[in-house]
Amino acid sequence: MQKPSRLLFKYLIVCFAICSCASKDNANKDHLVFRYNEHKNIGSLDPAFSKDLADIWATHQLFNGLVQMDDRLNVQPCIAKHWSVKDSAKVYTFILRDDVYFHHHQLFGKDSTRSVIANDFEYSFKRLKDKSVASPGSWVLNKVESFSAINDSTFQIKLKQPFPAFLGLLTMKYCSVVPQEIVEHYGNDFRSHPIGTGPFKFKRWEENIKLVFRRNDHYFETGENGNVLPYLQAVAITFLPDKQSEFLQFAQGNIDFVSGLDASYKDEILTADGNLRQLYADDVNMIRGPYLNTEYLAFFMETDVEVLQALKLRKAINHGFDRAKMMTYLRNGIGIPATGGFIPKGLPGFDGSIGFTYQPEKAKQLIKEFKSETGITNPEVTLTTTSNYLSFCEFIQRELQKIGLQVNVDVVPASSLKDAKANGQLDFFRASWVADYPDAENYLSLYYSKNFAPNGPNYTHYANDTFDRLYETSYLETNPETRAKLYTQMDALVMESAPIVPLFYDEVVRFTRKEVKGLGINATNLLELKNVKKEITKQ
């Protein structure tokens, strides 16, 4: 008997065939409008509050900062056309473009707009740090000692200490420029009356129903061959509340792309090994690439549990299950088996050879040696997880039983796991780390001894003097290649002690209609629409 969801998709396919002509007619009419759905809703269009991906996607179309990240995670000029770094990498001086204008608004006076100057960045950064504003992005400037407008075209930032990842932090939407007179006029309502400099400008927002942006005809960036950006005339965002409804709209041609692989449709659109099913091949493109997210299991290194104190047992767990099989079985092949370190694929410093591969016989031998050395004949551990990752933990549980290790799986609410791991109350637990900013330092900060939780992100309480020395050295290294080598060296040190079990490095997966061109992919899963085109569907 077919499952209801499968029957629903079969019905959809029939309907899609009947309505194909109508869908093509619609596509011909709106080929300059990019349509997507945001099932999690959008909380604010104020970049100072762009914490969630839904908010970031929307505000990215409306606002710009000093710098921006390309699809290869390289920092590129944006409103700042170039910059210099001096005084032992503590002073950043940015020279601004003179052709960047805010979106039109009557409060700007006669011309209904004005150019962006350095004072606008000084105001925007002060606002970000203002405790009365309570921006969740204020932490971005924690390492900043001061900032100031030197003149209209020069903005300078001084750091308390060198921090090579700082330019990456400045690419975050929190650091976007906003106009003081507009923000102060609207106050808290700036969230729904945004005025920025981006490729699209705000048009209309019916919260939880529809959000519309229109093309900014005065945008300052150009595309290939000097073409004026953006190519689209509008962006239309709907707010269907669940991923299955979103996918049905996509399959019918009513929205242009979906992001991510949800359980409600993953088997419908993908084969078990992660390829697009033939049924969708004529209408859909799939693009996938590394995502800055490492999924892993962690050991609390200060545990009193003798079993988990043993390096041989931690290594046995790392060798004892097949990550590639796990990804095929549970994720349709989406995700990269983590045979490297903690740094995910896609970041400088990643090395796929420094981790653990599936070696069941070696794992059995390590367990055998552990039993002989300790006299513990039936080693047993408890792995704490949330319900979302129960299937992964049960897979690992079954695999480790085969090598002689009993694993008990304890399922707790996400909030309970978060609090318990921060306070050292869990000996063995599932975790993940999504980069706050695209630099491997963000990942390695989890193993710096001065970052012990709950006062920092070192949940394992891993400590190594050599690691700490290299970590502090990397702060002073401004050469990206040299710094990447230090990152790899640190990651290798962590893996030698095995305080974690890397499971997989996540992937971004996107499905687009065939007529969508120029929608790239990047490891931060940022939605970049300024270069997107839509072709007229041929009848």
Protein backbone atom coordinates (compact mmCIF):
# COMPACT_ATOMS: atom_id res chain seq x y z
CA MET A 1 0.00 0.00 0.00
CA GLN A 2 1.35 3.43 -0.92
CA LYS A 3 1.87 6.02 1.78
CA PRO A 4 -0.52 9.02 1.64
CA SER A 5 2.32 11.42 0.87
CA ARG A 6 3.35 9.34 -2.12
CA LEU A 7 -0.24 9.24 -3.39
CA LEU A 8 -0.38 13.02 -3.05
CA PHE A 9 2.70 13.40 -5.19
CA LYS A 10 1.32 11.03 -7.83
CA TYR A 11 -1.85 13.13 -7.96
CA LEU A 12 0.29 16.23 -8.29
CA ILE A 13 2.12 14.79 -11.28
CA VAL A 14 -1.15 14.18 -13.13
CA CYS A 15 -2.34 17.72 -12.32
CA PHE A 16 0.98 19.13 -13.42
CA ALA A 17 0.73 17.42 -16.80
CA ILE A 18 -2.82 18.75 -17.35
CA CYS A 19 -1.86 22.31 -16.33
CA SER A 20 1.51 22.49 -18.05
CA CYS A 21 0.33 24.91 -20.73
CA ALA A 22 -1.15 27.25 -18.14
CA SER A 23 2.04 27.13 -16.11
CA LYS A 24 4.09 28.06 -19.18
CA ASP A 25 1.78 30.97 -19.93
CA ASN A 26 2.27 32.22 -16.37
CA ALA A 27 6.02 31.83 -16.67
CA ASN A 28 6.00 33.95 -19.83
CA LYS A 29 4.21 36.73 -17.97
CA ASP A 30 6.37 36.82 -14.87
CA HIS A 31 9.78 35.85 -16.17
CA LEU A 32 11.24 38.98 -14.54
CA VAL A 33 9.92 38.08 -11.07
CA PHE A 34 11.81 35.67 -8.81
CA ARG A 35 9.43 33.83 -6.48
CA TYR A 36 10.30 31.84 -3.40
CA ASN A 37 8.64 30.72 -0.18
CA GLU A 38 9.78 31.35 3.39
CA HIS A 39 8.07 28.78 5.61
CA LYS A 40 9.65 30.13 8.81
CA ASN A 41 8.35 33.66 8.23
CA ILE A 42 10.46 36.82 8.49
CA GLY A 43 10.84 38.69 11.76
CA SER A 44 12.40 41.95 10.62
CA LEU A 45 13.75 43.73 7.56
CA ASP A 46 16.14 45.73 9.74
CA PRO A 47 19.66 44.36 9.12
CA ALA A 48 20.61 44.97 12.76
CA PHE A 49 18.20 42.12 13.59
CA SER A 50 19.12 39.73 10.76
CA LYS A 51 19.85 36.74 12.95
CA ASP A 52 17.91 33.96 11.22
CA LEU A 53 18.51 32.78 7.67
CA ALA A 54 15.02 33.91 6.60
CA ASP A 55 15.78 37.48 7.71
CA ILE A 56 19.28 37.39 6.20
CA TRP A 57 17.98 36.30 2.79
CA ALA A 58 15.49 39.17 2.71
CA THR A 59 17.75 41.93 4.06
CA HIS A 60 20.57 40.86 1.74
CA GLN A 61 18.47 42.03 -1.20
CA LEU A 62 17.93 45.46 0.40
CA PHE A 63 21.21 46.40 2.11
CA ASN A 64 24.98 46.51 1.55
CA GLY A 65 28.01 46.79 3.80
CA LEU A 66 31.64 47.80 3.42
CA VAL A 67 32.58 44.39 2.02
CA GLN A 68 30.89 41.24 0.75
CA MET A 69 31.65 37.55 0.35
CA ASP A 70 31.83 35.82 -3.02
CA ASP A 71 30.76 32.24 -3.62
CA ARG A 72 34.27 31.01 -2.78
CA LEU A 73 34.20 32.79 0.60
CA ASN A 74 36.67 35.43 -0.47
CA VAL A 75 36.07 38.93 0.90
CA GLN A 76 35.42 41.36 -1.94
CA PRO A 77 34.82 45.13 -2.15
CA CYS A 78 31.27 46.42 -1.87
CA ILE A 79 30.58 50.01 -0.74
CA ALA A 80 34.27 50.14 0.21
CA LYS A 81 36.20 50.05 -3.07
CA HIS A 82 39.46 49.17 -1.31
CA TRP A 83 41.06 49.12 2.14
CA SER A 84 44.36 48.86 3.97
CA VAL A 85 45.36 46.98 7.13
CA LYS A 86 48.14 48.45 9.27
CA ASP A 87 49.56 48.63 12.81
CA SER A 88 50.09 44.87 13.21
CA ALA A 89 46.69 44.11 11.66
CA LYS A 90 44.78 46.27 14.14
CA VAL A 91 43.83 49.30 12.00
CA TYR A 92 41.52 48.91 8.99
CA THR A 93 41.02 51.93 6.74
CA PHE A 94 38.25 51.75 4.12
CA ILE A 95 37.91 54.07 1.11
CA LEU A 96 34.27 54.32 0.01
CA ARG A 97 32.74 54.54 -3.45
CA ASP A 98 31.10 57.87 -4.30
CA ASP A 99 28.30 56.41 -6.45
CA VAL A 100 26.25 54.54 -3.85
CA TYR A 101 22.80 55.98 -3.12
CA PHE A 102 20.08 55.09 -0.65
CA HIS A 103 16.71 53.98 -2.00
CA HIS A 104 14.32 56.84 -2.65
CA HIS A 105 12.37 58.29 0.27
CA GLN A 106 10.67 61.67 0.68
CA LEU A 107 12.57 62.35 3.91
CA PHE A 108 15.75 62.79 1.87
CA GLY A 109 14.32 66.02 0.46
CA LYS A 110 14.45 67.41 -3.05
CA ASP A 111 16.16 64.49 -4.80
CA SER A 112 14.46 61.85 -2.61
CA THR A 113 17.85 60.19 -2.10
CA ARG A 114 21.43 60.93 -1.14
CA SER A 115 24.82 59.28 -1.43
CA VAL A 116 26.34 57.11 1.27
CA ILE A 117 29.21 58.70 3.20
CA ALA A 118 31.50 57.49 6.00
CA ASN A 119 29.33 59.14 8.67
CA ASP A 120 26.56 56.69 7.70
CA PHE A 121 28.77 53.77 8.67
CA GLU A 122 29.77 55.49 11.90
CA TYR A 123 26.07 55.89 12.77
CA SER A 124 25.23 52.30 11.72
CA PHE A 125 28.03 50.83 13.86
CA LYS A 126 27.10 52.98 16.86
CA ARG A 127 23.51 51.79 16.50
CA LEU A 128 24.70 48.18 16.36
CA LYS A 129 26.51 48.65 19.69
CA ASP A 130 23.72 50.68 21.31
CA LYS A 131 22.33 48.61 24.20
CA SER A 132 18.96 50.35 23.89
CA VAL A 133 18.66 49.01 20.34
CA ALA A 134 19.45 45.48 21.61
CA SER A 135 20.72 44.14 18.30
CA PRO A 136 21.58 40.42 18.43
CA GLY A 137 24.56 41.30 16.21
CA SER A 138 26.32 43.60 18.67
CA TRP A 139 28.87 40.83 19.36
CA VAL A 140 30.32 41.35 15.88
CA LEU A 141 32.06 44.49 17.16
CA ASN A 142 33.32 42.97 20.43
CA LYS A 143 36.92 43.08 19.21
CA VAL A 144 36.59 46.69 17.99
CA GLU A 145 38.22 49.40 20.10
CA SER A 146 36.94 52.37 18.05
CA PHE A 147 35.61 53.43 14.67
CA SER A 148 35.24 56.82 13.02
CA ALA A 149 34.61 58.71 9.81
CA ILE A 150 37.90 60.36 8.86
CA ASN A 151 36.16 62.27 6.05
CA ASP A 152 33.21 61.62 3.74
CA SER A 153 35.01 58.87 1.85
CA THR A 154 37.20 57.32 4.56
CA PHE A 155 36.05 55.08 7.42
CA GLN A 156 38.50 53.65 9.93
CA ILE A 157 38.18 50.80 12.44
CA LYS A 158 40.70 50.04 15.21
CA LEU A 159 40.74 46.63 16.88
CA LYS A 160 41.70 45.80 20.45
CA GLN A 161 43.88 42.97 19.15
CA PRO A 162 44.66 41.43 15.74
CA PHE A 163 41.83 39.25 14.41
CA PRO A 164 42.35 37.85 10.87
CA ALA A 165 38.68 36.86 10.52
CA PHE A 166 37.49 40.43 11.05
CA LEU A 167 36.81 41.18 7.39
CA GLY A 168 34.63 38.08 7.28
CA LEU A 169 32.64 39.43 10.22
CA LEU A 170 32.06 42.68 8.32
CA THR A 171 30.31 40.76 5.53
CA MET A 172 27.46 39.88 7.91
CA LYS A 173 24.17 41.73 7.37
CA TYR A 174 24.42 43.22 10.87
CA CYS A 175 27.14 45.51 9.47
CA SER A 176 24.99 46.98 6.68
CA VAL A 177 24.76 50.74 6.27
CA VAL A 178 21.46 52.42 7.18
CA PRO A 179 20.40 56.11 6.89
CA GLN A 180 20.12 57.89 10.24
CA GLU A 181 17.25 60.21 9.29
CA ILE A 182 15.06 57.32 8.09
CA VAL A 183 15.82 55.07 11.06
CA GLU A 184 15.13 57.82 13.58
CA HIS A 185 11.90 58.76 11.79
CA TYR A 186 10.46 55.23 11.94
CA GLY A 187 12.07 54.02 15.16
CA ASN A 188 11.15 50.38 15.77
CA ASP A 189 8.99 50.45 12.64
CA PHE A 190 12.14 50.61 10.50
CA ARG A 191 11.78 46.82 10.57
CA SER A 192 8.87 47.17 8.11
CA HIS A 193 9.97 50.39 6.35
CA PRO A 194 13.53 49.51 5.30
CA ILE A 195 15.62 51.90 3.23
CA GLY A 196 18.98 50.59 2.10
CA THR A 197 21.30 50.61 -0.91
CA GLY A 198 20.77 47.07 -2.22
CA PRO A 199 19.86 45.75 -5.68
CA PHE A 200 16.19 45.64 -4.70
CA LYS A 201 14.04 48.09 -2.74
CA PHE A 202 11.13 47.49 -0.43
CA LYS A 203 7.66 47.61 -2.00
CA ARG A 204 5.03 45.83 0.14
CA TRP A 205 4.78 43.48 3.10
CA GLU A 206 1.64 41.70 4.23
CA GLU A 207 3.15 39.85 7.16
CA ASN A 208 2.85 36.07 6.94
CA ILE A 209 1.18 36.42 3.52
CA LYS A 210 3.44 38.10 0.95
CA LEU A 211 6.54 40.29 0.69
CA VAL A 212 7.51 42.14 -2.49
CA PHE A 213 10.74 43.88 -3.51
CA ARG A 214 11.18 45.92 -6.70
CA ARG A 215 14.28 46.50 -8.79
CA ASN A 216 16.58 49.34 -7.67
CA ASP A 217 17.17 51.20 -10.94
CA HIS A 218 20.10 53.10 -9.43
CA TYR A 219 22.12 50.16 -8.10
CA PHE A 220 25.87 50.73 -8.17
CA GLU A 221 27.26 47.27 -9.05
CA THR A 222 27.52 45.89 -12.56
CA GLY A 223 27.61 42.34 -13.86
CA GLU A 224 29.61 40.66 -16.57
CA ASN A 225 30.51 42.91 -19.50
CA GLY A 226 29.42 45.94 -17.48
CA ASN A 227 25.73 45.00 -17.54
CA VAL A 228 23.54 46.92 -15.09
CA LEU A 229 22.36 44.87 -12.09
CA PRO A 230 19.98 43.44 -11.08
CA TYR A 231 18.42 41.67 -14.09
CA LEU A 232 15.13 40.85 -12.37
CA GLN A 233 12.32 43.38 -11.98
CA ALA A 234 11.01 42.03 -8.69
CA VAL A 235 11.27 39.45 -5.91
CA ALA A 236 8.06 37.95 -4.47
CA ILE A 237 8.14 35.96 -1.22
CA THR A 238 5.24 33.86 0.07
CA PHE A 239 4.84 32.31 3.53
CA LEU A 240 3.41 28.81 3.21
CA PRO A 241 3.97 27.28 6.65
CA ASP A 242 5.29 23.81 5.77
CA LYS A 243 7.94 22.38 3.48
CA GLN A 244 5.67 19.90 1.73
CA SER A 245 3.26 22.64 0.58
CA GLU A 246 6.27 24.64 -0.53
CA PHE A 247 7.54 21.75 -2.62
CA LEU A 248 4.13 21.19 -4.22
CA GLN A 249 4.07 24.84 -5.30
CA PHE A 250 7.56 24.43 -6.71
CA ALA A 251 6.60 21.29 -8.64
CA GLN A 252 3.62 23.15 -10.11
CA GLY A 253 5.87 25.97 -11.26
CA ASN A 254 4.41 28.57 -8.89
CA ILE A 255 7.71 29.29 -7.14
CA ASP A 256 11.18 29.25 -8.65
CA PHE A 257 13.32 27.46 -6.11
CA VAL A 258 13.39 25.53 -2.85
CA SER A 259 16.33 25.17 -0.50
CA GLY A 260 17.23 22.16 1.58
CA LEU A 261 16.15 18.54 1.65
CA ASP A 262 13.10 17.91 3.82
CA ALA A 263 11.93 14.44 4.81
CA SER A 264 8.49 15.16 3.32
CA TYR A 265 9.83 15.18 -0.24
CA LYS A 266 13.43 13.92 -0.27
CA ASP A 267 12.53 10.43 -1.56
CA GLU A 268 10.15 11.89 -4.14
CA ILE A 269 12.71 14.10 -5.86
CA LEU A 270 15.98 12.23 -5.18
CA THR A 271 17.23 8.70 -5.65
CA ALA A 272 18.84 6.94 -2.70
CA ASP A 273 22.30 8.02 -3.87
CA GLY A 274 21.35 11.69 -4.14
CA ASN A 275 20.60 12.10 -7.84
CA LEU A 276 17.59 13.93 -9.28
CA ARG A 277 14.84 11.52 -10.31
CA GLN A 278 14.08 11.36 -14.02
CA LEU A 279 10.51 12.54 -13.39
CA TYR A 280 11.84 16.02 -12.58
CA ALA A 281 14.84 16.17 -14.89
CA ASP A 282 13.11 18.16 -17.66
CA ASP A 283 11.85 20.93 -15.36
CA VAL A 284 14.25 21.11 -12.43
CA ASN A 285 17.95 21.73 -11.81
CA MET A 286 19.69 20.63 -8.62
CA ILE A 287 22.77 22.43 -7.32
CA ARG A 288 24.65 21.35 -4.23
CA GLY A 289 27.85 22.30 -2.46
CA PRO A 290 29.57 22.40 0.94
CA TYR A 291 27.79 24.11 3.84
CA LEU A 292 29.65 25.50 6.85
CA ASN A 293 28.09 23.07 9.30
CA THR A 294 29.82 20.15 11.03
CA GLU A 295 27.60 17.52 12.66
CA TYR A 296 29.38 15.53 15.35
CA LEU A 297 29.32 13.63 18.64
CA ALA A 298 31.28 15.06 21.55
CA PHE A 299 32.94 13.66 24.68
CA PHE A 300 33.27 15.68 27.88
CA MET A 301 37.01 15.34 28.51
CA GLU A 302 36.72 15.95 32.25
CA THR A 303 34.24 13.11 32.71
CA ASP A 304 34.44 10.69 35.62
CA VAL A 305 33.29 7.84 33.37
CA GLU A 306 36.32 5.60 32.97
CA VAL A 307 35.15 4.20 29.64
CA LEU A 308 35.12 7.64 28.03
CA GLN A 309 38.44 8.65 29.56
CA ALA A 310 40.17 6.04 27.38
CA LEU A 311 41.64 7.33 24.11
CA LYS A 312 41.47 3.83 22.61
CA LEU A 313 37.75 3.63 23.16
CA ARG A 314 37.13 7.10 21.69
CA LYS A 315 39.17 6.09 18.64
CA ALA A 316 37.26 2.81 18.40
CA ILE A 317 33.98 4.74 18.22
CA ASN A 318 35.44 6.93 15.47
CA HIS A 319 36.53 3.90 13.43
CA GLY A 320 33.51 1.76 14.25
CA PHE A 321 30.77 2.94 11.87
CA ASP A 322 30.46 3.61 8.14
CA ARG A 323 29.81 7.32 7.60
CA ALA A 324 29.25 6.91 3.84
CA LYS A 325 26.61 4.22 4.43
CA MET A 326 24.97 6.44 7.06
CA MET A 327 24.71 9.34 4.60
CA THR A 328 23.23 7.18 1.85
CA TYR A 329 20.77 5.49 4.17
CA LEU A 330 19.61 8.53 6.15
CA ARG A 331 20.27 11.55 3.90
CA ASN A 332 19.98 10.27 0.30
CA GLY A 333 23.66 11.02 -0.11
CA ILE A 334 23.33 14.72 0.74
CA GLY A 335 26.22 15.58 3.03
CA ILE A 336 29.92 14.72 3.03
CA PRO A 337 31.09 11.86 5.29
CA ALA A 338 33.42 13.45 7.87
CA THR A 339 36.71 11.62 7.47
CA GLY A 340 38.65 14.85 8.08
CA GLY A 341 38.78 17.02 11.16
CA PHE A 342 36.31 19.46 12.68
CA ILE A 343 36.83 22.15 10.02
CA PRO A 344 34.21 21.46 7.31
CA LYS A 345 34.92 21.08 3.63
CA GLY A 346 34.69 24.47 1.95
CA LEU A 347 36.89 26.39 4.40
CA PRO A 348 40.64 27.03 4.10
CA GLY A 349 42.28 24.71 6.62
CA PHE A 350 40.11 21.69 5.81
CA ASP A 351 42.03 18.44 5.36
CA GLY A 352 40.06 15.30 4.52
CA SER A 353 42.88 12.96 5.57
CA ILE A 354 43.42 13.87 9.25
CA GLY A 355 40.33 12.15 10.66
CA PHE A 356 39.02 8.61 10.97
CA THR A 357 37.91 6.16 8.29
CA TYR A 358 35.66 3.12 8.69
CA GLN A 359 37.89 0.30 9.96
CA PRO A 360 35.73 -2.18 11.91
CA GLU A 361 38.54 -4.67 12.53
CA LYS A 362 40.78 -1.96 13.94
CA ALA A 363 37.88 -0.76 16.09
CA LYS A 364 37.35 -4.30 17.43
CA GLN A 365 41.05 -4.58 18.25
CA LEU A 366 41.00 -1.28 20.13
CA ILE A 367 37.97 -2.45 22.15
CA LYS A 368 39.75 -5.74 22.87
CA GLU A 369 42.85 -3.88 24.11
CA PHE A 370 40.69 -1.60 26.24
CA LYS A 371 39.00 -4.57 27.91
CA SER A 372 42.33 -6.23 28.58
CA GLU A 373 43.92 -3.09 30.04
CA THR A 374 41.00 -2.03 32.23
CA GLY A 375 39.28 -5.29 33.13
CA ILE A 376 35.96 -3.81 31.93
CA THR A 377 34.52 -6.74 29.99
CA ASN A 378 31.27 -5.12 28.93
CA PRO A 379 31.98 -1.44 28.18
CA GLU A 380 28.86 0.70 28.01
CA VAL A 381 28.23 4.38 27.21
CA THR A 382 25.20 6.67 27.06
CA LEU A 383 24.76 8.99 24.07
CA THR A 384 22.42 11.96 24.58
CA THR A 385 20.61 13.43 21.58
CA THR A 386 17.44 15.16 20.44
CA SER A 387 14.59 13.49 18.53
CA ASN A 388 15.67 15.12 15.24
CA TYR A 389 18.89 13.11 15.25
CA LEU A 390 17.63 9.90 16.81
CA SER A 391 17.91 8.00 13.52
CA PHE A 392 21.64 8.87 13.25
CA CYS A 393 22.32 7.85 16.83
CA GLU A 394 20.43 4.58 16.47
CA PHE A 395 22.43 3.79 13.32
CA ILE A 396 25.68 4.37 15.23
CA GLN A 397 24.32 2.38 18.18
CA ARG A 398 23.73 -0.69 15.97
CA GLU A 399 27.11 -0.39 14.28
CA LEU A 400 29.06 -0.06 17.55
CA GLN A 401 27.33 -3.08 19.03
CA LYS A 402 29.01 -5.10 16.28
CA ILE A 403 32.47 -4.08 17.57
CA GLY A 404 31.66 -4.91 21.19
CA LEU A 405 30.46 -1.58 22.62
CA GLN A 406 27.03 -1.14 24.19
CA VAL A 407 25.53 2.31 23.46
CA ASN A 408 22.43 3.54 25.22
CA VAL A 409 20.64 6.43 23.48
CA ASP A 410 18.97 9.03 25.67
CA VAL A 411 16.58 11.44 23.90
CA VAL A 412 16.01 14.84 25.53
CA PRO A 413 14.46 18.17 24.40
CA ALA A 414 16.78 20.50 22.49
CA SER A 415 16.71 23.09 25.27
CA SER A 416 17.72 20.48 27.85
CA LEU A 417 20.62 19.25 25.75
CA LYS A 418 21.82 22.81 25.16
CA ASP A 419 21.85 23.65 28.88
CA ALA A 420 23.34 20.34 29.97
CA LYS A 421 26.24 20.39 27.50
CA ALA A 422 27.06 23.99 28.42
CA ASN A 423 27.31 23.04 32.09
CA GLY A 424 29.34 19.85 31.68
CA GLN A 425 26.46 17.58 32.66
CA LEU A 426 26.67 15.26 29.63
CA ASP A 427 29.48 12.77 29.07
CA PHE A 428 28.68 11.89 25.44
CA PHE A 429 26.32 13.95 23.29
CA ARG A 430 25.34 14.94 19.76
CA ALA A 431 26.09 18.48 18.59
CA SER A 432 26.57 20.62 15.51
CA TRP A 433 28.41 23.83 14.74
CA VAL A 434 27.31 26.24 12.02
CA ALA A 435 29.81 29.00 11.35
CA ASP A 436 28.96 32.46 12.67
CA TYR A 437 31.47 33.81 10.16
CA PRO A 438 33.34 32.10 7.31
CA ASP A 439 36.74 31.49 8.87
CA ALA A 440 38.06 28.26 10.39
CA GLU A 441 39.03 30.17 13.55
CA ASN A 442 35.31 30.04 14.38
CA TYR A 443 35.49 26.22 14.51
CA LEU A 444 38.81 26.00 16.31
CA SER A 445 37.61 28.34 19.04
CA LEU A 446 35.70 25.29 20.38
CA TYR A 447 39.02 23.74 21.47
CA TYR A 448 40.83 26.76 22.92
CA SER A 449 41.31 26.15 26.66
CA LYS A 450 40.27 29.69 27.60
CA ASN A 451 36.86 29.07 26.01
CA PHE A 452 35.62 26.39 28.42
CA ALA A 453 31.83 26.29 28.57
CA PRO A 454 29.69 27.82 30.02
CA ASN A 455 31.84 30.94 29.43
CA GLY A 456 32.72 29.93 25.88
CA PRO A 457 32.00 27.32 23.20
CA ASN A 458 34.52 24.67 24.34
CA TYR A 459 31.86 22.13 25.35
CA THR A 460 34.32 19.20 25.44
CA HIS A 461 36.77 21.00 27.81
CA TYR A 462 39.58 19.90 25.51
CA ALA A 463 42.90 21.45 26.53
CA ASN A 464 46.27 21.28 24.81
CA ASP A 465 49.14 23.74 25.33
CA THR A 466 50.47 23.31 21.79
CA PHE A 467 47.02 23.93 20.35
CA ASP A 468 46.60 27.09 22.43
CA ARG A 469 49.97 28.41 21.29
CA LEU A 470 49.14 27.81 17.61
CA TYR A 471 45.68 29.33 18.07
CA GLU A 472 47.15 32.52 19.51
CA THR A 473 49.79 32.60 16.75
CA SER A 474 47.08 32.43 14.08
CA TYR A 475 45.65 35.73 15.36
CA LEU A 476 48.85 37.49 14.34
CA GLU A 477 49.19 35.80 10.94
CA THR A 478 47.83 37.94 8.11
CA ASN A 479 48.91 35.70 5.23
CA PRO A 480 45.82 33.56 4.38
CA GLU A 481 47.81 30.55 3.15
CA THR A 482 50.05 30.46 6.19
CA ARG A 483 47.06 30.87 8.48
CA ALA A 484 45.25 28.00 6.74
CA LYS A 485 48.25 25.73 7.41
CA LEU A 486 48.10 26.67 11.11
CA TYR A 487 44.40 25.85 11.12
CA THR A 488 45.05 22.39 9.63
CA GLN A 489 47.79 21.74 12.17
CA MET A 490 45.45 22.65 15.03
CA ASP A 491 42.64 20.52 13.63
CA ALA A 492 45.02 17.54 13.39
CA LEU A 493 46.02 17.98 17.03
CA VAL A 494 42.37 17.84 18.08
CA MET A 495 41.77 14.66 16.11
CA GLU A 496 44.79 12.97 17.70
CA SER A 497 43.05 13.26 21.08
CA ALA A 498 39.62 12.39 19.65
CA PRO A 499 37.41 14.55 21.90
CA ILE A 500 34.80 14.38 19.14
CA VAL A 501 33.37 12.02 16.53
CA PRO A 502 32.80 14.00 13.31
CA LEU A 503 29.74 12.59 11.52
CA PHE A 504 29.34 14.64 8.36
CA TYR A 505 29.91 18.05 6.81
CA ASP A 506 26.57 19.35 5.67
CA GLU A 507 25.76 20.42 2.13
CA VAL A 508 23.62 23.17 0.69
CA VAL A 509 21.17 21.72 -1.81
CA ARG A 510 18.95 23.86 -4.01
CA PHE A 511 16.32 22.95 -6.56
CA THR A 512 15.46 25.54 -9.22
CA ARG A 513 13.14 25.66 -12.20
CA LYS A 514 15.01 25.25 -15.48
CA GLU A 515 14.30 28.83 -16.55
CA VAL A 516 16.29 30.23 -13.59
CA LYS A 517 19.85 31.13 -14.55
CA GLY A 518 22.69 32.57 -12.49
CA LEU A 519 21.58 31.38 -9.05
CA GLY A 520 24.82 30.17 -7.55
CA ILE A 521 25.55 28.38 -4.33
CA ASN A 522 27.86 29.16 -1.43
CA ALA A 523 28.95 27.60 1.83
CA THR A 524 27.05 30.14 3.95
CA ASN A 525 23.78 29.37 2.10
CA LEU A 526 23.33 33.05 1.28
CA LEU A 527 20.63 33.81 -1.31
CA GLU A 528 22.24 36.05 -3.94
CA LEU A 529 19.69 37.33 -6.47
CA LYS A 530 21.38 40.32 -8.11
CA ASN A 531 22.88 38.11 -10.86
CA VAL A 532 19.80 35.95 -11.44
CA LYS A 533 17.94 35.86 -14.75
CA LYS A 534 14.77 34.04 -15.77
CA GLU A 535 14.36 32.89 -19.33
CA ILE A 536 10.99 32.92 -21.08
CA THR A 537 9.66 29.38 -21.15
CA LYS A 538 9.44 27.99 -24.67
CA GLN A 539 6.05 26.62 -25.63
